[in-house]
Amino acid sequence: MAGDPKLSQMQPQKIGGWDPRHVRNLNTQSAALTRLNKPKNLIVRALALPALLTPLWFQPQLGWFWAAALSLAAVAWVWLIPPFTKKSTGAQTWLQKAILGERMWLNRIFVPIPTPYHQKALALLVIGLLAVAAAIWAASTNNLPVMLTGALLAYLAKFASLFVMVKIFEHMKNAHPLYKSWRNIPVNDNNLKVKTG
């Protein structure tokens, strides 16, 4: 897909005095993005919801303080885990395309994306958040059917959103110079000189 020619002619907008070229979220080599675009890390992230719900399920035995503390610690651990592998270069896998598509969706205030993609992504986000909220409530009240249903809906919504993010990436990857540069991540050639020297 070549992208929308109208979008390719649009310049990133300045929002509230911020120049998007200086916004850290546009940095595809940020530590957060490096953590998220690894397949193994995606599996670990998928364990975040059970890790969040399990202490809440045992809240009657643990008490509210320890249940909440363990749940927050589990979520923090998943977010702070280091990358399992080296930094990736460009969008090579389906997952990397989904992660970059998600970043493009988050940057839509600076570089607009087509409205249908935004609406689908927003709807899946709302469904996922409502499902997680229902699962959390069910876990804290020991309602097993509702907890399992909420968790399943949350996973399905997230999985479906990854497909939407890949579509956003494929549509936008050539639609703006900013996104073209994302696929050409510079590599430090000093390491190559050391190896060949």
C-alpha atoms as a PDB file:
ATOM      1  CA  MET A   1       0.000   0.000   0.000  1.00  0.00           C
ATOM      2  CA  ALA A   2       1.343   3.396  -0.910  1.00  0.00           C
ATOM      3  CA  GLY A   3      -0.761   5.227   1.650  1.00  0.00           C
ATOM      4  CA  ASP A   4      -3.024   8.210   1.256  1.00  0.00           C
ATOM      5  CA  PRO A   5      -1.416  10.917  -0.939  1.00  0.00           C
ATOM      6  CA  LYS A   6      -3.295  13.611   0.988  1.00  0.00           C
ATOM      7  CA  LEU A   7      -1.754  12.399   4.241  1.00  0.00           C
ATOM      8  CA  SER A   8       1.737  12.361   2.746  1.00  0.00           C
ATOM      9  CA  GLN A   9       1.469  16.100   2.054  1.00  0.00           C
ATOM     10  CA  MET A  10       0.391  16.967   5.592  1.00  0.00           C
ATOM     11  CA  GLN A  11       2.939  18.334   8.025  1.00  0.00           C
ATOM     12  CA  PRO A  12       2.846  17.303  11.686  1.00  0.00           C
ATOM     13  CA  GLN A  13       0.747  19.816  13.577  1.00  0.00           C
ATOM     14  CA  LYS A  14       2.026  21.864  16.493  1.00  0.00           C
ATOM     15  CA  ILE A  15      -0.196  21.210  19.474  1.00  0.00           C
ATOM     16  CA  GLY A  16      -0.112  23.667  22.361  1.00  0.00           C
ATOM     17  CA  GLY A  17       3.325  24.900  21.367  1.00  0.00           C
ATOM     18  CA  TRP A  18       4.786  21.372  21.157  1.00  0.00           C
ATOM     19  CA  ASP A  19       6.684  20.503  18.007  1.00  0.00           C
ATOM     20  CA  PRO A  20       6.000  16.801  17.303  1.00  0.00           C
ATOM     21  CA  ARG A  21       9.572  16.354  16.088  1.00  0.00           C
ATOM     22  CA  HIS A  22      10.640  16.842  19.687  1.00  0.00           C
ATOM     23  CA  VAL A  23       8.016  14.655  21.315  1.00  0.00           C
ATOM     24  CA  ARG A  24       9.597  11.618  22.952  1.00  0.00           C
ATOM     25  CA  ASN A  25       6.685   9.372  21.993  1.00  0.00           C
ATOM     26  CA  LEU A  26       7.780   9.644  18.376  1.00  0.00           C
ATOM     27  CA  ASN A  27      11.069   7.934  19.227  1.00  0.00           C
ATOM     28  CA  THR A  28      10.770   4.349  18.013  1.00  0.00           C
ATOM     29  CA  GLN A  29      13.874   3.341  19.961  1.00  0.00           C
ATOM     30  CA  SER A  30      12.481   4.401  23.330  1.00  0.00           C
ATOM     31  CA  ALA A  31      12.970   1.911  26.138  1.00  0.00           C
ATOM     32  CA  ALA A  32       9.218   1.270  26.391  1.00  0.00           C
ATOM     33  CA  LEU A  33       8.870   0.439  22.704  1.00  0.00           C
ATOM     34  CA  THR A  34      11.961  -1.772  22.795  1.00  0.00           C
ATOM     35  CA  ARG A  35      10.377  -3.759  25.632  1.00  0.00           C
ATOM     36  CA  LEU A  36       7.049  -4.105  23.882  1.00  0.00           C
ATOM     37  CA  ASN A  37       8.098  -5.225  20.409  1.00  0.00           C
ATOM     38  CA  LYS A  38       9.604  -8.563  21.421  1.00  0.00           C
ATOM     39  CA  PRO A  39       7.465 -11.699  20.906  1.00  0.00           C
ATOM     40  CA  LYS A  40       8.603 -13.222  24.208  1.00  0.00           C
ATOM     41  CA  ASN A  41       7.720 -10.007  25.988  1.00  0.00           C
ATOM     42  CA  LEU A  42       4.235 -10.117  24.462  1.00  0.00           C
ATOM     43  CA  ILE A  43       3.740 -13.518  26.101  1.00  0.00           C
ATOM     44  CA  VAL A  44       4.866 -12.083  29.434  1.00  0.00           C
ATOM     45  CA  ARG A  45       2.513  -9.112  28.977  1.00  0.00           C
ATOM     46  CA  ALA A  46      -0.316 -11.555  28.339  1.00  0.00           C
ATOM     47  CA  LEU A  47       0.297 -12.920  31.831  1.00  0.00           C
ATOM     48  CA  ALA A  48      -0.298  -9.482  33.354  1.00  0.00           C
ATOM     49  CA  LEU A  49      -4.066  -9.925  33.592  1.00  0.00           C
ATOM     50  CA  PRO A  50      -3.947 -13.262  35.461  1.00  0.00           C
ATOM     51  CA  ALA A  51      -1.234 -11.791  37.703  1.00  0.00           C
ATOM     52  CA  LEU A  52      -3.540  -8.844  38.388  1.00  0.00           C
ATOM     53  CA  LEU A  53      -6.623 -10.963  39.044  1.00  0.00           C
ATOM     54  CA  THR A  54      -5.123 -13.758  41.153  1.00  0.00           C
ATOM     55  CA  PRO A  55      -4.310 -11.657  44.262  1.00  0.00           C
ATOM     56  CA  LEU A  56      -7.753 -10.061  44.048  1.00  0.00           C
ATOM     57  CA  TRP A  57      -9.339 -13.512  43.934  1.00  0.00           C
ATOM     58  CA  PHE A  58      -7.583 -14.385  47.192  1.00  0.00           C
ATOM     59  CA  GLN A  59      -8.470 -11.042  48.755  1.00  0.00           C
ATOM     60  CA  PRO A  60     -10.559 -12.663  51.551  1.00  0.00           C
ATOM     61  CA  GLN A  61      -7.438 -14.521  52.735  1.00  0.00           C
ATOM     62  CA  LEU A  62      -4.863 -11.788  51.961  1.00  0.00           C
ATOM     63  CA  GLY A  63      -6.821  -8.698  52.912  1.00  0.00           C
ATOM     64  CA  TRP A  64      -7.359  -5.694  50.674  1.00  0.00           C
ATOM     65  CA  PHE A  65      -3.959  -4.124  51.308  1.00  0.00           C
ATOM     66  CA  TRP A  66      -1.887  -7.145  50.271  1.00  0.00           C
ATOM     67  CA  ALA A  67      -4.226  -8.064  47.427  1.00  0.00           C
ATOM     68  CA  ALA A  68      -3.971  -4.581  45.920  1.00  0.00           C
ATOM     69  CA  ALA A  69      -0.213  -4.378  46.565  1.00  0.00           C
ATOM     70  CA  LEU A  70       0.479  -7.725  44.870  1.00  0.00           C
ATOM     71  CA  SER A  71      -1.731  -6.824  41.905  1.00  0.00           C
ATOM     72  CA  LEU A  72       0.033  -3.489  41.377  1.00  0.00           C
ATOM     73  CA  ALA A  73       3.434  -5.144  41.797  1.00  0.00           C
ATOM     74  CA  ALA A  74       2.564  -7.703  39.113  1.00  0.00           C
ATOM     75  CA  VAL A  75       1.545  -4.997  36.639  1.00  0.00           C
ATOM     76  CA  ALA A  76       4.679  -2.964  37.431  1.00  0.00           C
ATOM     77  CA  TRP A  77       6.880  -6.022  36.936  1.00  0.00           C
ATOM     78  CA  VAL A  78       5.404  -6.714  33.517  1.00  0.00           C
ATOM     79  CA  TRP A  79       5.914  -3.087  32.446  1.00  0.00           C
ATOM     80  CA  LEU A  80       9.488  -2.862  33.753  1.00  0.00           C
ATOM     81  CA  ILE A  81      10.848  -6.176  32.473  1.00  0.00           C
ATOM     82  CA  PRO A  82      13.989  -5.744  30.358  1.00  0.00           C
ATOM     83  CA  PRO A  83      14.006  -6.815  26.706  1.00  0.00           C
ATOM     84  CA  PHE A  84      14.899 -10.467  26.122  1.00  0.00           C
ATOM     85  CA  THR A  85      16.728  -9.791  22.883  1.00  0.00           C
ATOM     86  CA  LYS A  86      18.645  -7.049  21.145  1.00  0.00           C
ATOM     87  CA  LYS A  87      16.935  -4.021  19.683  1.00  0.00           C
ATOM     88  CA  SER A  88      15.137  -4.704  16.433  1.00  0.00           C
ATOM     89  CA  THR A  89      15.703  -2.823  13.219  1.00  0.00           C
ATOM     90  CA  GLY A  90      12.620  -1.656  11.410  1.00  0.00           C
ATOM     91  CA  ALA A  91       9.277  -3.415  11.099  1.00  0.00           C
ATOM     92  CA  GLN A  92      10.151  -6.974  10.149  1.00  0.00           C
ATOM     93  CA  THR A  93       7.542  -9.071  11.901  1.00  0.00           C
ATOM     94  CA  TRP A  94       3.786  -8.903  12.248  1.00  0.00           C
ATOM     95  CA  LEU A  95       4.141  -7.996  15.920  1.00  0.00           C
ATOM     96  CA  GLN A  96       6.588  -5.177  15.210  1.00  0.00           C
ATOM     97  CA  LYS A  97       4.179  -3.803  12.613  1.00  0.00           C
ATOM     98  CA  ALA A  98       1.376  -3.947  15.183  1.00  0.00           C
ATOM     99  CA  ILE A  99       3.493  -2.094  17.760  1.00  0.00           C
ATOM    100  CA  LEU A 100       4.482   0.612  15.264  1.00  0.00           C
ATOM    101  CA  GLY A 101       0.863   0.860  14.128  1.00  0.00           C
ATOM    102  CA  GLU A 102      -0.134   1.399  17.749  1.00  0.00           C
ATOM    103  CA  ARG A 103       2.463   4.160  18.014  1.00  0.00           C
ATOM    104  CA  MET A 104       1.057   5.743  14.834  1.00  0.00           C
ATOM    105  CA  TRP A 105      -2.425   5.605  16.354  1.00  0.00           C
ATOM    106  CA  LEU A 106      -1.166   7.275  19.530  1.00  0.00           C
ATOM    107  CA  ASN A 107       0.481   9.981  17.391  1.00  0.00           C
ATOM    108  CA  ARG A 108      -2.714  10.715  15.461  1.00  0.00           C
ATOM    109  CA  ILE A 109      -2.975  14.156  17.105  1.00  0.00           C
ATOM    110  CA  PHE A 110       0.183  15.130  15.196  1.00  0.00           C
ATOM    111  CA  VAL A 111      -0.188  13.018  12.037  1.00  0.00           C
ATOM    112  CA  PRO A 112      -3.858  12.200  11.365  1.00  0.00           C
ATOM    113  CA  ILE A 113      -4.882   8.650  10.476  1.00  0.00           C
ATOM    114  CA  PRO A 114      -8.021   7.604   8.556  1.00  0.00           C
ATOM    115  CA  THR A 115     -11.132   7.885  10.719  1.00  0.00           C
ATOM    116  CA  PRO A 116     -12.365   4.281  10.207  1.00  0.00           C
ATOM    117  CA  TYR A 117      -9.135   2.864  11.628  1.00  0.00           C
ATOM    118  CA  HIS A 118      -9.311   5.232  14.587  1.00  0.00           C
ATOM    119  CA  GLN A 119     -12.919   4.293  15.309  1.00  0.00           C
ATOM    120  CA  LYS A 120     -12.178   0.560  15.224  1.00  0.00           C
ATOM    121  CA  ALA A 121      -9.129   0.940  17.474  1.00  0.00           C
ATOM    122  CA  LEU A 122     -11.032   3.136  19.926  1.00  0.00           C
ATOM    123  CA  ALA A 123     -13.993   0.738  20.057  1.00  0.00           C
ATOM    124  CA  LEU A 124     -11.725  -2.235  20.769  1.00  0.00           C
ATOM    125  CA  LEU A 125      -9.913  -0.252  23.458  1.00  0.00           C
ATOM    126  CA  VAL A 126     -13.185   0.615  25.192  1.00  0.00           C
ATOM    127  CA  ILE A 127     -14.371  -3.005  24.987  1.00  0.00           C
ATOM    128  CA  GLY A 128     -11.071  -4.219  26.409  1.00  0.00           C
ATOM    129  CA  LEU A 129     -11.099  -1.726  29.286  1.00  0.00           C
ATOM    130  CA  LEU A 130     -14.701  -2.572  30.191  1.00  0.00           C
ATOM    131  CA  ALA A 131     -13.867  -6.279  30.077  1.00  0.00           C
ATOM    132  CA  VAL A 132     -10.848  -5.798  32.346  1.00  0.00           C
ATOM    133  CA  ALA A 133     -12.936  -3.718  34.750  1.00  0.00           C
ATOM    134  CA  ALA A 134     -15.570  -6.456  34.859  1.00  0.00           C
ATOM    135  CA  ALA A 135     -12.889  -9.107  35.437  1.00  0.00           C
ATOM    136  CA  ILE A 136     -11.353  -7.079  38.277  1.00  0.00           C
ATOM    137  CA  TRP A 137     -14.730  -6.604  39.942  1.00  0.00           C
ATOM    138  CA  ALA A 138     -15.539 -10.303  39.524  1.00  0.00           C
ATOM    139  CA  ALA A 139     -12.184 -11.363  40.946  1.00  0.00           C
ATOM    140  CA  SER A 140     -12.630  -9.155  44.006  1.00  0.00           C
ATOM    141  CA  THR A 141     -16.099 -10.638  44.593  1.00  0.00           C
ATOM    142  CA  ASN A 142     -15.096 -14.232  43.710  1.00  0.00           C
ATOM    143  CA  ASN A 143     -17.469 -14.435  40.756  1.00  0.00           C
ATOM    144  CA  LEU A 144     -15.690 -17.006  38.583  1.00  0.00           C
ATOM    145  CA  PRO A 145     -17.949 -16.979  35.465  1.00  0.00           C
ATOM    146  CA  VAL A 146     -17.865 -13.197  35.120  1.00  0.00           C
ATOM    147  CA  MET A 147     -14.125 -13.070  35.767  1.00  0.00           C
ATOM    148  CA  LEU A 148     -13.373 -15.661  33.075  1.00  0.00           C
ATOM    149  CA  THR A 149     -15.752 -13.998  30.618  1.00  0.00           C
ATOM    150  CA  GLY A 150     -14.236 -10.573  31.221  1.00  0.00           C
ATOM    151  CA  ALA A 151     -10.682 -11.892  30.856  1.00  0.00           C
ATOM    152  CA  LEU A 152     -11.570 -13.719  27.625  1.00  0.00           C
ATOM    153  CA  LEU A 153     -13.217 -10.613  26.156  1.00  0.00           C
ATOM    154  CA  ALA A 154     -10.198  -8.511  27.131  1.00  0.00           C
ATOM    155  CA  TYR A 155      -7.833 -10.901  25.344  1.00  0.00           C
ATOM    156  CA  LEU A 156     -10.049 -11.071  22.264  1.00  0.00           C
ATOM    157  CA  ALA A 157     -10.317  -7.272  22.091  1.00  0.00           C
ATOM    158  CA  LYS A 158      -6.539  -6.886  22.396  1.00  0.00           C
ATOM    159  CA  PHE A 159      -5.880  -9.553  19.777  1.00  0.00           C
ATOM    160  CA  ALA A 160      -8.333  -7.923  17.374  1.00  0.00           C
ATOM    161  CA  SER A 161      -6.768  -4.524  18.011  1.00  0.00           C
ATOM    162  CA  LEU A 162      -3.370  -5.882  16.936  1.00  0.00           C
ATOM    163  CA  PHE A 163      -4.845  -6.636  13.502  1.00  0.00           C
ATOM    164  CA  VAL A 164      -6.190  -3.083  13.306  1.00  0.00           C
ATOM    165  CA  MET A 165      -2.786  -1.688  14.282  1.00  0.00           C
ATOM    166  CA  VAL A 166      -1.114  -3.701  11.517  1.00  0.00           C
ATOM    167  CA  LYS A 167      -3.591  -2.211   9.040  1.00  0.00           C
ATOM    168  CA  ILE A 168      -2.811   1.267  10.365  1.00  0.00           C
ATOM    169  CA  PHE A 169       0.897   0.600   9.900  1.00  0.00           C
ATOM    170  CA  GLU A 170       0.456  -0.701   6.356  1.00  0.00           C
ATOM    171  CA  HIS A 171      -1.684   2.296   5.421  1.00  0.00           C
ATOM    172  CA  MET A 172       0.495   4.926   7.063  1.00  0.00           C
ATOM    173  CA  LYS A 173       4.024   3.599   6.556  1.00  0.00           C
ATOM    174  CA  ASN A 174       4.447   5.581   3.313  1.00  0.00           C
ATOM    175  CA  ALA A 175       1.891   8.272   4.055  1.00  0.00           C
ATOM    176  CA  HIS A 176       4.249  10.653   5.808  1.00  0.00           C
ATOM    177  CA  PRO A 177       8.034  11.229   5.853  1.00  0.00           C
ATOM    178  CA  LEU A 178       8.042  10.769   9.620  1.00  0.00           C
ATOM    179  CA  TYR A 179       6.779   7.211   9.297  1.00  0.00           C
ATOM    180  CA  LYS A 180       9.074   6.409   6.392  1.00  0.00           C
ATOM    181  CA  SER A 181      11.991   7.240   8.677  1.00  0.00           C
ATOM    182  CA  TRP A 182      10.685   4.838  11.331  1.00  0.00           C
ATOM    183  CA  ARG A 183      11.495   1.883   9.082  1.00  0.00           C
ATOM    184  CA  ASN A 184      15.094   3.037   8.657  1.00  0.00           C
ATOM    185  CA  ILE A 185      16.342   2.884  12.226  1.00  0.00           C
ATOM    186  CA  PRO A 186      20.011   3.901  12.317  1.00  0.00           C
ATOM    187  CA  VAL A 187      22.499   1.243  13.359  1.00  0.00           C
ATOM    188  CA  ASN A 188      25.615   2.117  15.328  1.00  0.00           C
ATOM    189  CA  ASP A 189      28.463   1.232  12.971  1.00  0.00           C
ATOM    190  CA  ASN A 190      31.106   1.630  15.695  1.00  0.00           C
ATOM    191  CA  ASN A 191      30.449  -1.971  16.721  1.00  0.00           C
ATOM    192  CA  LEU A 192      31.067  -3.104  13.160  1.00  0.00           C
ATOM    193  CA  LYS A 193      34.391  -1.214  13.066  1.00  0.00           C
ATOM    194  CA  VAL A 194      35.486  -2.863  16.296  1.00  0.00           C
ATOM    195  CA  LYS A 195      34.692  -6.327  14.950  1.00  0.00           C
ATOM    196  CA  THR A 196      36.447  -5.761  11.605  1.00  0.00           C
ATOM    197  CA  GLY A 197      39.388  -3.834  13.138  1.00  0.00           C
END
